[in-house]
C-alpha atoms as a PDB file:
ATOM      1  CA  LYS A   1     108.432  87.901  82.407  1.00  0.00           C
ATOM      2  CA  SER A   2     105.893  85.666  84.085  1.00  0.00           C
ATOM      3  CA  ASN A   3     107.054  86.968  87.445  1.00  0.00           C
ATOM      4  CA  VAL A   4     106.279  90.552  86.441  1.00  0.00           C
ATOM      5  CA  LYS A   5     102.877  89.496  85.141  1.00  0.00           C
ATOM      6  CA  TYR A   6     102.106  87.761  88.414  1.00  0.00           C
ATOM      7  CA  SER A   7     103.126  90.744  90.541  1.00  0.00           C
ATOM      8  CA  LEU A   8     101.037  93.056  88.366  1.00  0.00           C
ATOM      9  CA  ARG A   9      98.044  90.766  88.690  1.00  0.00           C
ATOM     10  CA  SER A  10      98.398  90.501  92.457  1.00  0.00           C
ATOM     11  CA  GLU A  11      98.646  94.286  92.696  1.00  0.00           C
ATOM     12  CA  LEU A  12      95.423  94.589  90.714  1.00  0.00           C
ATOM     13  CA  VAL A  13      93.711  92.125  93.017  1.00  0.00           C
ATOM     14  CA  VAL A  14      94.879  94.059  96.063  1.00  0.00           C
ATOM     15  CA  GLU A  15      93.565  97.289  94.563  1.00  0.00           C
ATOM     16  CA  LYS A  16      90.200  95.663  93.849  1.00  0.00           C
ATOM     17  CA  MET A  17      90.004  94.361  97.400  1.00  0.00           C
ATOM     18  CA  ASP A  18      90.847  97.840  98.700  1.00  0.00           C
ATOM     19  CA  VAL A  19      88.116  99.440  96.619  1.00  0.00           C
ATOM     20  CA  PHE A  20      85.639  96.765  97.682  1.00  0.00           C
ATOM     21  CA  ARG A  21      86.519  97.339 101.342  1.00  0.00           C
ATOM     22  CA  ARG A  22      86.047 101.102 100.960  1.00  0.00           C
ATOM     23  CA  ILE A  23      82.663 100.552  99.296  1.00  0.00           C
ATOM     24  CA  LEU A  24      81.626  98.248 102.135  1.00  0.00           C
ATOM     25  CA  VAL A  25      82.673 100.807 104.741  1.00  0.00           C
ATOM     26  CA  LEU A  26      80.810 103.547 102.890  1.00  0.00           C
ATOM     27  CA  ASP A  27      77.763 101.313 102.644  1.00  0.00           C
ATOM     28  CA  THR A  28      77.702 100.493 106.349  1.00  0.00           C
ATOM     29  CA  SER A  29      78.269 104.108 107.389  1.00  0.00           C
ATOM     30  CA  ILE A  30      75.465 105.284 105.103  1.00  0.00           C
ATOM     31  CA  SER A  31      73.053 102.657 106.424  1.00  0.00           C
ATOM     32  CA  GLU A  32      74.016 103.549 110.000  1.00  0.00           C
ATOM     33  CA  THR A  33      73.311 107.248 109.469  1.00  0.00           C
ATOM     34  CA  SER A  34      69.994 106.537 107.787  1.00  0.00           C
ATOM     35  CA  ASN A  35      69.061 104.203 110.649  1.00  0.00           C
ATOM     36  CA  SER A  36      69.876 106.828 113.257  1.00  0.00           C
ATOM     37  CA  GLU A  37      67.784 109.344 111.334  1.00  0.00           C
ATOM     38  CA  LEU A  38      64.888 106.902 111.290  1.00  0.00           C
ATOM     39  CA  MET A  39      65.162 106.359 115.038  1.00  0.00           C
ATOM     40  CA  GLU A  40      64.630 110.042 115.801  1.00  0.00           C
END
C-alpha cells in the first residue's frame, strides 16, 4: 500500500516539475520575443 502511495506521489511531483519547466520555457520564449520586438 505505502509503495503505491509513494509511486503516485513521485509521479505527481514529476508532473509538477514538467509543468513548471514548460512554464519556464514559455516565459523565456515570450520575454525573448518581446525583447527582439523592442530592439527593432
